């Protein structure tokens, strides 16, 4: 199976968030105005591009859930959605594990999470690919950026180096 005929993994870093208020846990930090606007623009871009997904795994952190919210109107509220504390609390291996658990029949999976885990996971998974896409994350994975990775094997067999970075969409 080559990268163009295999499954696709969409990796989204949450949009820009506010600083924690006194007494507020990091997990509860919401998007700020810029983040809300970027998430809305990303939803419009997904609609324009016609991107669709078969399943979603999203961090339980407020800023990740808030980033996903406007996208659901475009992706469909009936898409299977799982919230994962692991995508907030653990490292890049949690993203690998979430992808490996994708249900049979899922050809495009969206993961919504945080840096530095999203960046580490994407770079480890897709060491090559489109030059412009690689350049877009060469110095960091921007907030509300969406990486499109084509895999050369089923999700259950995902491993470092198993993908090619095809595109990076930024609102």
N, C-alpha and C. Protein backbone atom coordinates (compact mmCIF):
# COMPACT_ATOMS: atom_id res chain seq x y z
N UNK A 1 0.86 -1.17 0.00
CA UNK A 1 0.00 0.00 0.00
C UNK A 1 0.90 1.23 0.00
N UNK A 2 0.71 2.15 -0.94
CA UNK A 2 1.51 3.36 -0.94
C UNK A 2 0.77 4.47 -0.23
N UNK A 3 1.48 5.59 0.00
CA UNK A 3 0.92 6.67 0.81
C UNK A 3 -0.34 7.26 0.19
N UNK A 4 -0.46 7.24 -1.13
CA UNK A 4 -1.62 7.86 -1.76
C UNK A 4 -2.88 6.99 -1.66
N UNK A 5 -2.72 5.67 -1.44
CA UNK A 5 -3.90 4.82 -1.37
C UNK A 5 -4.24 4.40 0.05
N UNK A 6 -3.40 4.74 1.00
CA UNK A 6 -3.63 4.36 2.39
C UNK A 6 -4.50 5.35 3.12
N UNK A 7 -4.68 5.11 4.41
CA UNK A 7 -5.49 6.02 5.22
C UNK A 7 -4.83 7.39 5.36
N UNK A 8 -5.65 8.36 5.74
CA UNK A 8 -5.15 9.72 5.99
C UNK A 8 -5.37 10.07 7.45
N UNK A 9 -4.40 10.76 7.99
CA UNK A 9 -4.47 11.24 9.36
C UNK A 9 -4.40 12.76 9.31
N UNK A 10 -5.41 13.42 9.88
CA UNK A 10 -5.43 14.87 9.98
C UNK A 10 -5.06 15.21 11.42
N UNK A 11 -4.04 16.03 11.59
CA UNK A 11 -3.53 16.36 12.91
C UNK A 11 -3.69 17.86 13.12
N UNK A 12 -4.49 18.23 14.10
CA UNK A 12 -4.83 19.63 14.34
C UNK A 12 -4.32 20.08 15.70
N UNK A 13 -3.55 21.15 15.70
CA UNK A 13 -3.18 21.79 16.97
C UNK A 13 -4.30 22.77 17.31
N UNK A 14 -4.70 22.81 18.57
CA UNK A 14 -5.77 23.73 18.98
C UNK A 14 -5.43 25.17 18.59
N UNK A 15 -6.46 25.98 18.46
CA UNK A 15 -6.29 27.39 18.12
C UNK A 15 -5.71 28.16 19.31
N UNK A 16 -5.36 29.41 19.07
CA UNK A 16 -4.72 30.27 20.07
C UNK A 16 -5.62 30.40 21.30
N UNK A 17 -5.03 30.26 22.47
CA UNK A 17 -5.82 30.31 23.70
C UNK A 17 -5.37 31.45 24.60
N UNK A 18 -6.23 31.74 25.55
CA UNK A 18 -5.92 32.77 26.53
C UNK A 18 -5.00 32.18 27.60
N UNK A 19 -4.44 33.07 28.41
CA UNK A 19 -3.66 32.62 29.56
C UNK A 19 -4.63 32.18 30.64
N UNK A 20 -4.20 31.31 31.49
CA UNK A 20 -5.05 30.87 32.59
C UNK A 20 -5.33 32.04 33.53
N UNK A 21 -6.56 32.14 33.97
CA UNK A 21 -6.95 33.14 34.96
C UNK A 21 -6.57 32.62 36.35
N UNK A 22 -6.44 33.51 37.33
CA UNK A 22 -6.12 33.05 38.68
C UNK A 22 -7.11 31.97 39.14
N UNK A 23 -6.59 30.88 39.63
CA UNK A 23 -7.42 29.78 40.10
C UNK A 23 -7.88 28.83 39.01
N UNK A 24 -7.59 29.14 37.76
CA UNK A 24 -8.03 28.31 36.63
C UNK A 24 -6.93 27.31 36.28
N UNK A 25 -7.31 26.07 36.09
CA UNK A 25 -6.35 25.04 35.67
C UNK A 25 -6.01 25.23 34.20
N UNK A 26 -4.83 24.81 33.80
CA UNK A 26 -4.42 24.88 32.40
C UNK A 26 -5.43 24.17 31.51
N UNK A 27 -5.95 23.06 31.97
CA UNK A 27 -6.91 22.26 31.21
C UNK A 27 -8.16 23.05 30.84
N UNK A 28 -8.49 24.06 31.62
CA UNK A 28 -9.72 24.84 31.44
C UNK A 28 -9.52 26.10 30.60
N UNK A 29 -8.32 26.37 30.13
CA UNK A 29 -8.08 27.60 29.37
C UNK A 29 -8.90 27.61 28.08
N UNK A 30 -9.68 28.67 27.84
CA UNK A 30 -10.47 28.77 26.61
C UNK A 30 -9.67 29.41 25.47
N UNK A 31 -10.24 29.40 24.29
CA UNK A 31 -9.66 30.15 23.18
C UNK A 31 -9.78 31.63 23.47
N UNK A 32 -8.86 32.42 22.92
CA UNK A 32 -9.02 33.86 22.97
C UNK A 32 -9.71 34.30 21.67
N UNK A 33 -9.88 35.58 21.47
CA UNK A 33 -10.57 36.07 20.27
C UNK A 33 -9.91 35.62 18.99
N UNK A 34 -8.59 35.69 18.93
CA UNK A 34 -7.86 35.24 17.74
C UNK A 34 -8.11 33.76 17.49
N UNK A 35 -8.09 32.95 18.55
CA UNK A 35 -8.32 31.52 18.41
C UNK A 35 -9.71 31.21 17.90
N UNK A 36 -10.71 31.91 18.42
CA UNK A 36 -12.09 31.71 17.95
C UNK A 36 -12.21 32.05 16.47
N UNK A 37 -11.59 33.16 16.06
CA UNK A 37 -11.64 33.55 14.64
C UNK A 37 -10.92 32.53 13.76
N UNK A 38 -9.75 32.07 14.21
CA UNK A 38 -9.00 31.09 13.43
C UNK A 38 -9.76 29.77 13.29
N UNK A 39 -10.40 29.32 14.37
CA UNK A 39 -11.16 28.08 14.30
C UNK A 39 -12.32 28.21 13.31
N UNK A 40 -12.99 29.36 13.31
CA UNK A 40 -14.05 29.61 12.34
C UNK A 40 -13.54 29.64 10.92
N UNK A 41 -12.37 30.27 10.72
CA UNK A 41 -11.77 30.31 9.37
C UNK A 41 -11.34 28.92 8.92
N UNK A 42 -10.82 28.12 9.85
CA UNK A 42 -10.43 26.75 9.49
C UNK A 42 -11.66 25.95 9.08
N UNK A 43 -12.76 26.12 9.79
CA UNK A 43 -14.00 25.41 9.42
C UNK A 43 -14.42 25.79 8.00
N UNK A 44 -14.34 27.08 7.67
CA UNK A 44 -14.70 27.54 6.32
C UNK A 44 -13.74 26.94 5.30
N UNK A 45 -12.47 26.87 5.63
CA UNK A 45 -11.48 26.30 4.72
C UNK A 45 -11.74 24.81 4.49
N UNK A 46 -12.09 24.09 5.54
CA UNK A 46 -12.42 22.66 5.39
C UNK A 46 -13.63 22.48 4.48
N UNK A 47 -14.62 23.34 4.65
CA UNK A 47 -15.82 23.26 3.79
C UNK A 47 -15.44 23.54 2.35
N UNK A 48 -14.62 24.55 2.12
CA UNK A 48 -14.18 24.92 0.78
C UNK A 48 -13.37 23.80 0.14
N UNK A 49 -12.51 23.16 0.94
CA UNK A 49 -11.66 22.08 0.46
C UNK A 49 -12.42 20.76 0.29
N UNK A 50 -13.57 20.66 0.95
CA UNK A 50 -14.33 19.42 0.89
C UNK A 50 -13.71 18.29 1.69
N UNK A 51 -12.89 18.63 2.69
CA UNK A 51 -12.27 17.59 3.52
C UNK A 51 -13.32 16.96 4.42
N UNK A 52 -13.25 15.67 4.56
CA UNK A 52 -14.17 14.96 5.44
C UNK A 52 -13.37 13.97 6.27
N UNK A 53 -13.96 13.53 7.37
CA UNK A 53 -13.31 12.56 8.24
C UNK A 53 -14.31 11.47 8.60
N UNK A 54 -13.78 10.32 8.98
CA UNK A 54 -14.61 9.19 9.40
C UNK A 54 -14.70 9.07 10.91
N UNK A 55 -13.75 9.68 11.62
CA UNK A 55 -13.73 9.63 13.09
C UNK A 55 -12.84 10.75 13.61
N UNK A 56 -13.09 11.12 14.87
CA UNK A 56 -12.35 12.20 15.52
C UNK A 56 -11.97 11.77 16.92
N UNK A 57 -10.72 12.08 17.30
CA UNK A 57 -10.30 11.95 18.69
C UNK A 57 -9.76 13.31 19.10
N UNK A 58 -10.34 13.87 20.17
CA UNK A 58 -10.02 15.23 20.60
C UNK A 58 -9.61 15.24 22.06
N UNK A 59 -8.60 16.02 22.38
CA UNK A 59 -8.22 16.24 23.76
C UNK A 59 -9.42 16.77 24.54
N UNK A 60 -9.44 16.49 25.83
CA UNK A 60 -10.52 16.98 26.69
C UNK A 60 -10.31 18.42 27.15
N UNK A 61 -9.17 19.01 26.87
CA UNK A 61 -8.91 20.39 27.29
C UNK A 61 -9.89 21.34 26.59
N UNK A 62 -10.35 22.34 27.31
CA UNK A 62 -11.34 23.28 26.80
C UNK A 62 -10.91 23.89 25.47
N UNK A 63 -9.65 24.30 25.33
CA UNK A 63 -9.21 24.96 24.09
C UNK A 63 -9.24 24.02 22.89
N UNK A 64 -9.02 22.73 23.10
CA UNK A 64 -9.12 21.76 22.00
C UNK A 64 -10.58 21.53 21.62
N UNK A 65 -11.43 21.36 22.62
CA UNK A 65 -12.87 21.16 22.38
C UNK A 65 -13.45 22.39 21.67
N UNK A 66 -13.05 23.59 22.11
CA UNK A 66 -13.53 24.82 21.49
C UNK A 66 -13.03 24.98 20.05
N UNK A 67 -11.84 24.49 19.76
CA UNK A 67 -11.31 24.54 18.39
C UNK A 67 -12.12 23.62 17.49
N UNK A 68 -12.45 22.45 18.00
CA UNK A 68 -13.20 21.47 17.22
C UNK A 68 -14.64 21.91 16.96
N UNK A 69 -15.24 22.63 17.87
CA UNK A 69 -16.66 22.96 17.81
C UNK A 69 -17.12 23.51 16.46
N UNK A 70 -16.51 24.57 15.90
CA UNK A 70 -17.00 25.06 14.61
C UNK A 70 -16.72 24.09 13.45
N UNK A 71 -15.75 23.22 13.62
CA UNK A 71 -15.45 22.25 12.57
C UNK A 71 -16.53 21.18 12.47
N UNK A 72 -17.18 20.88 13.59
CA UNK A 72 -18.22 19.84 13.59
C UNK A 72 -19.38 20.20 12.67
N UNK A 73 -19.67 21.48 12.53
CA UNK A 73 -20.74 21.89 11.62
C UNK A 73 -20.41 21.52 10.18
N UNK A 74 -19.13 21.50 9.86
CA UNK A 74 -18.67 21.17 8.51
C UNK A 74 -18.45 19.66 8.36
N UNK A 75 -17.84 19.05 9.38
CA UNK A 75 -17.48 17.63 9.31
C UNK A 75 -18.67 16.73 9.57
N UNK A 76 -19.67 17.25 10.24
CA UNK A 76 -20.86 16.47 10.53
C UNK A 76 -20.91 16.07 11.98
N UNK A 77 -22.02 16.33 12.61
CA UNK A 77 -22.18 16.01 14.03
C UNK A 77 -22.34 14.51 14.27
N UNK A 78 -22.55 13.74 13.19
CA UNK A 78 -22.73 12.29 13.33
C UNK A 78 -21.41 11.52 13.22
N UNK A 79 -20.30 12.23 12.97
CA UNK A 79 -19.00 11.57 12.89
C UNK A 79 -18.65 11.05 14.29
N UNK A 80 -18.24 9.79 14.41
CA UNK A 80 -17.86 9.28 15.73
C UNK A 80 -16.77 10.14 16.36
N UNK A 81 -17.01 10.55 17.60
CA UNK A 81 -16.12 11.47 18.31
C UNK A 81 -15.79 10.91 19.68
N UNK A 82 -14.51 10.85 19.97
CA UNK A 82 -14.02 10.40 21.27
C UNK A 82 -13.20 11.52 21.89
N UNK A 83 -13.42 11.78 23.17
CA UNK A 83 -12.59 12.74 23.90
C UNK A 83 -11.57 11.96 24.71
N UNK A 84 -10.33 12.43 24.68
CA UNK A 84 -9.24 11.68 25.30
C UNK A 84 -8.42 12.56 26.23
N UNK A 85 -8.36 12.19 27.51
CA UNK A 85 -7.47 12.86 28.45
C UNK A 85 -6.01 12.63 28.07
N UNK A 86 -5.73 11.48 27.45
CA UNK A 86 -4.35 11.15 27.08
C UNK A 86 -3.76 12.16 26.10
N UNK A 87 -4.57 12.69 25.19
CA UNK A 87 -4.05 13.65 24.23
C UNK A 87 -3.68 14.97 24.90
N UNK A 88 -4.20 15.20 26.09
CA UNK A 88 -3.82 16.37 26.87
C UNK A 88 -2.63 16.07 27.77
N UNK A 89 -2.66 14.94 28.44
CA UNK A 89 -1.74 14.69 29.54
C UNK A 89 -0.47 13.93 29.17
N UNK A 90 -0.50 13.19 28.08
CA UNK A 90 0.65 12.34 27.75
C UNK A 90 1.40 12.87 26.54
N UNK A 91 2.46 12.21 26.17
CA UNK A 91 3.32 12.65 25.07
C UNK A 91 2.85 12.18 23.71
N UNK A 92 3.76 12.28 22.75
CA UNK A 92 3.47 11.93 21.35
C UNK A 92 3.00 10.49 21.22
N UNK A 93 3.42 9.62 22.13
CA UNK A 93 3.00 8.22 22.06
C UNK A 93 1.49 8.08 22.24
N UNK A 94 0.85 9.02 22.93
CA UNK A 94 -0.61 8.98 23.09
C UNK A 94 -1.31 9.22 21.76
N UNK A 95 -0.71 10.05 20.91
CA UNK A 95 -1.28 10.32 19.58
C UNK A 95 -1.12 9.09 18.69
N UNK A 96 0.03 8.44 18.80
CA UNK A 96 0.26 7.20 18.05
C UNK A 96 -0.75 6.14 18.48
N UNK A 97 -0.97 6.02 19.80
CA UNK A 97 -1.92 5.03 20.32
C UNK A 97 -3.35 5.35 19.89
N UNK A 98 -3.72 6.62 19.89
CA UNK A 98 -5.08 7.01 19.47
C UNK A 98 -5.31 6.65 18.00
N UNK A 99 -4.30 6.87 17.18
CA UNK A 99 -4.43 6.53 15.75
C UNK A 99 -4.49 5.01 15.58
N UNK A 100 -3.68 4.29 16.33
CA UNK A 100 -3.65 2.82 16.22
C UNK A 100 -4.98 2.19 16.60
N UNK A 101 -5.76 2.87 17.44
CA UNK A 101 -7.06 2.33 17.88
C UNK A 101 -8.21 2.68 16.94
N UNK A 102 -7.93 3.33 15.82
CA UNK A 102 -9.01 3.70 14.90
C UNK A 102 -9.80 2.46 14.50
N UNK A 103 -11.10 2.62 14.47
CA UNK A 103 -12.00 1.50 14.15
C UNK A 103 -11.80 1.03 12.72
N UNK A 104 -12.11 -0.21 12.48
CA UNK A 104 -12.07 -0.75 11.12
C UNK A 104 -13.00 0.09 10.25
N UNK A 105 -12.60 0.35 9.05
CA UNK A 105 -13.42 1.13 8.13
C UNK A 105 -13.12 2.61 8.16
N UNK A 106 -12.32 3.08 9.13
CA UNK A 106 -11.95 4.49 9.18
C UNK A 106 -10.81 4.71 8.19
N UNK A 107 -11.03 5.58 7.23
CA UNK A 107 -9.97 5.88 6.27
C UNK A 107 -9.36 7.26 6.51
N UNK A 108 -10.09 8.14 7.20
CA UNK A 108 -9.56 9.46 7.55
C UNK A 108 -9.91 9.75 9.00
N UNK A 109 -8.87 9.96 9.80
CA UNK A 109 -9.02 10.20 11.23
C UNK A 109 -8.48 11.59 11.55
N UNK A 110 -9.21 12.35 12.37
CA UNK A 110 -8.78 13.66 12.84
C UNK A 110 -8.40 13.56 14.31
N UNK A 111 -7.17 14.00 14.64
CA UNK A 111 -6.72 14.10 16.02
C UNK A 111 -6.58 15.58 16.35
N UNK A 112 -7.13 16.01 17.49
CA UNK A 112 -7.06 17.42 17.91
C UNK A 112 -6.32 17.47 19.24
N UNK A 113 -5.19 18.18 19.25
CA UNK A 113 -4.39 18.17 20.47
C UNK A 113 -3.53 19.40 20.65
N UNK A 114 -2.37 19.17 21.27
CA UNK A 114 -1.53 20.23 21.82
C UNK A 114 -0.07 20.09 21.41
N UNK A 115 0.62 21.20 21.43
CA UNK A 115 2.06 21.18 21.29
C UNK A 115 2.68 21.05 22.67
N UNK A 116 3.85 20.46 22.79
CA UNK A 116 4.74 20.03 21.72
C UNK A 116 4.42 18.63 21.18
N UNK A 117 3.41 17.97 21.74
CA UNK A 117 3.12 16.60 21.35
C UNK A 117 2.71 16.49 19.87
N UNK A 118 1.87 17.42 19.40
CA UNK A 118 1.41 17.39 18.01
C UNK A 118 2.61 17.52 17.06
N UNK A 119 3.49 18.44 17.38
CA UNK A 119 4.67 18.64 16.54
C UNK A 119 5.57 17.41 16.55
N UNK A 120 5.86 16.89 17.73
CA UNK A 120 6.72 15.71 17.85
C UNK A 120 6.11 14.52 17.11
N UNK A 121 4.82 14.31 17.30
CA UNK A 121 4.12 13.20 16.65
C UNK A 121 4.17 13.34 15.13
N UNK A 122 3.83 14.52 14.62
CA UNK A 122 3.80 14.73 13.17
C UNK A 122 5.17 14.54 12.55
N UNK A 123 6.18 15.13 13.16
CA UNK A 123 7.54 15.01 12.62
C UNK A 123 8.05 13.57 12.67
N UNK A 124 7.71 12.85 13.73
CA UNK A 124 8.14 11.45 13.83
C UNK A 124 7.41 10.55 12.85
N UNK A 125 6.15 10.87 12.62
CA UNK A 125 5.33 10.05 11.73
C UNK A 125 5.66 10.30 10.26
N UNK A 126 5.86 11.56 9.91
CA UNK A 126 6.07 11.94 8.50
C UNK A 126 7.40 12.65 8.36
N UNK A 127 8.44 11.89 8.15
CA UNK A 127 9.77 12.48 8.02
C UNK A 127 10.02 13.07 6.63
N UNK A 128 9.12 12.75 5.69
CA UNK A 128 9.23 13.35 4.36
C UNK A 128 7.84 13.70 3.85
N UNK A 129 7.82 14.27 2.66
CA UNK A 129 6.54 14.68 2.08
C UNK A 129 6.71 15.92 1.23
N UNK A 130 5.64 16.66 1.10
CA UNK A 130 5.63 17.87 0.30
C UNK A 130 6.55 18.92 0.93
N UNK A 131 7.41 19.52 0.10
CA UNK A 131 8.40 20.48 0.61
C UNK A 131 7.75 21.68 1.30
N UNK A 132 6.68 22.22 0.71
CA UNK A 132 6.00 23.36 1.32
C UNK A 132 5.38 22.99 2.66
N UNK A 133 4.81 21.79 2.74
CA UNK A 133 4.20 21.33 3.98
C UNK A 133 5.27 21.14 5.06
N UNK A 134 6.37 20.52 4.69
CA UNK A 134 7.46 20.33 5.65
C UNK A 134 8.01 21.67 6.13
N UNK A 135 8.13 22.63 5.21
CA UNK A 135 8.61 23.96 5.58
C UNK A 135 7.65 24.67 6.52
N UNK A 136 6.34 24.41 6.37
CA UNK A 136 5.33 25.07 7.20
C UNK A 136 5.44 24.70 8.67
N UNK A 137 6.00 23.53 8.97
CA UNK A 137 6.15 23.13 10.37
C UNK A 137 7.62 22.97 10.77
N UNK A 138 8.54 23.44 9.93
CA UNK A 138 9.96 23.26 10.20
C UNK A 138 10.42 23.99 11.46
N UNK A 139 9.82 25.11 11.75
CA UNK A 139 10.22 25.89 12.93
C UNK A 139 9.17 25.87 14.03
N UNK A 140 8.22 24.95 13.94
CA UNK A 140 7.17 24.83 14.94
C UNK A 140 5.84 24.55 14.28
N UNK A 141 4.91 24.04 15.06
CA UNK A 141 3.58 23.69 14.56
C UNK A 141 2.64 24.81 15.00
N UNK A 142 2.21 25.67 14.07
CA UNK A 142 1.41 26.84 14.45
C UNK A 142 0.05 26.45 15.06
N UNK A 143 -0.48 27.35 15.89
CA UNK A 143 -1.81 27.12 16.43
C UNK A 143 -2.82 27.07 15.30
N UNK A 144 -3.79 26.23 15.44
CA UNK A 144 -4.89 26.03 14.48
C UNK A 144 -4.41 25.58 13.10
N UNK A 145 -3.22 25.01 13.05
CA UNK A 145 -2.73 24.43 11.79
C UNK A 145 -3.18 22.98 11.72
N UNK A 146 -3.47 22.54 10.50
CA UNK A 146 -3.95 21.18 10.27
C UNK A 146 -3.00 20.48 9.30
N UNK A 147 -2.34 19.44 9.78
CA UNK A 147 -1.44 18.65 8.95
C UNK A 147 -2.21 17.48 8.36
N UNK A 148 -2.01 17.25 7.08
CA UNK A 148 -2.62 16.12 6.38
C UNK A 148 -1.51 15.13 6.07
N UNK A 149 -1.59 13.96 6.69
CA UNK A 149 -0.56 12.93 6.54
C UNK A 149 -1.17 11.71 5.87
N UNK A 150 -0.55 11.29 4.78
CA UNK A 150 -0.96 10.05 4.11
C UNK A 150 -0.11 8.92 4.68
N UNK A 151 -0.78 7.85 5.09
CA UNK A 151 -0.09 6.71 5.69
C UNK A 151 0.14 5.61 4.68
N UNK A 152 1.21 4.85 4.88
CA UNK A 152 1.53 3.75 3.96
C UNK A 152 1.09 2.40 4.50
N UNK A 153 0.28 2.42 5.56
CA UNK A 153 -0.20 1.19 6.19
C UNK A 153 -1.48 1.48 6.96
N UNK A 154 -2.21 0.46 7.36
CA UNK A 154 -3.44 0.68 8.14
C UNK A 154 -3.13 1.34 9.48
N UNK A 155 -4.14 1.99 10.05
CA UNK A 155 -3.97 2.65 11.34
C UNK A 155 -3.46 1.69 12.41
N UNK A 156 -3.93 0.45 12.40
CA UNK A 156 -3.53 -0.52 13.42
C UNK A 156 -2.03 -0.82 13.39
N UNK A 157 -1.39 -0.52 12.26
CA UNK A 157 0.04 -0.79 12.11
C UNK A 157 0.87 0.49 12.08
N UNK A 158 0.29 1.60 12.50
CA UNK A 158 0.98 2.88 12.44
C UNK A 158 2.28 2.84 13.25
N UNK A 159 3.30 3.50 12.73
CA UNK A 159 4.61 3.51 13.37
C UNK A 159 5.37 4.76 12.91
N UNK A 160 6.40 5.17 13.63
CA UNK A 160 7.21 6.29 13.18
C UNK A 160 7.69 6.09 11.74
N UNK A 161 7.65 7.15 10.96
CA UNK A 161 8.09 7.10 9.58
C UNK A 161 7.08 6.50 8.61
N UNK A 162 5.86 6.19 9.07
CA UNK A 162 4.86 5.51 8.24
C UNK A 162 4.04 6.46 7.38
N UNK A 163 4.36 7.73 7.40
CA UNK A 163 3.53 8.66 6.64
C UNK A 163 4.32 9.68 5.85
N UNK A 164 3.59 10.37 5.00
CA UNK A 164 4.14 11.49 4.24
C UNK A 164 3.27 12.70 4.52
N UNK A 165 3.91 13.82 4.87
CA UNK A 165 3.19 15.06 5.11
C UNK A 165 2.80 15.63 3.76
N UNK A 166 1.48 15.63 3.49
CA UNK A 166 1.00 16.06 2.18
C UNK A 166 0.71 17.57 2.14
N UNK A 167 0.11 18.09 3.22
CA UNK A 167 -0.28 19.50 3.26
C UNK A 167 -0.33 19.98 4.69
N UNK A 168 -0.22 21.28 4.84
CA UNK A 168 -0.50 21.93 6.11
C UNK A 168 -1.43 23.09 5.79
N UNK A 169 -2.64 23.04 6.37
CA UNK A 169 -3.61 24.10 6.17
C UNK A 169 -3.58 25.03 7.37
N UNK A 170 -3.54 26.33 7.08
CA UNK A 170 -3.58 27.34 8.14
C UNK A 170 -4.65 28.35 7.80
N UNK A 171 -5.48 28.68 8.81
CA UNK A 171 -6.57 29.64 8.53
C UNK A 171 -6.04 31.06 8.35
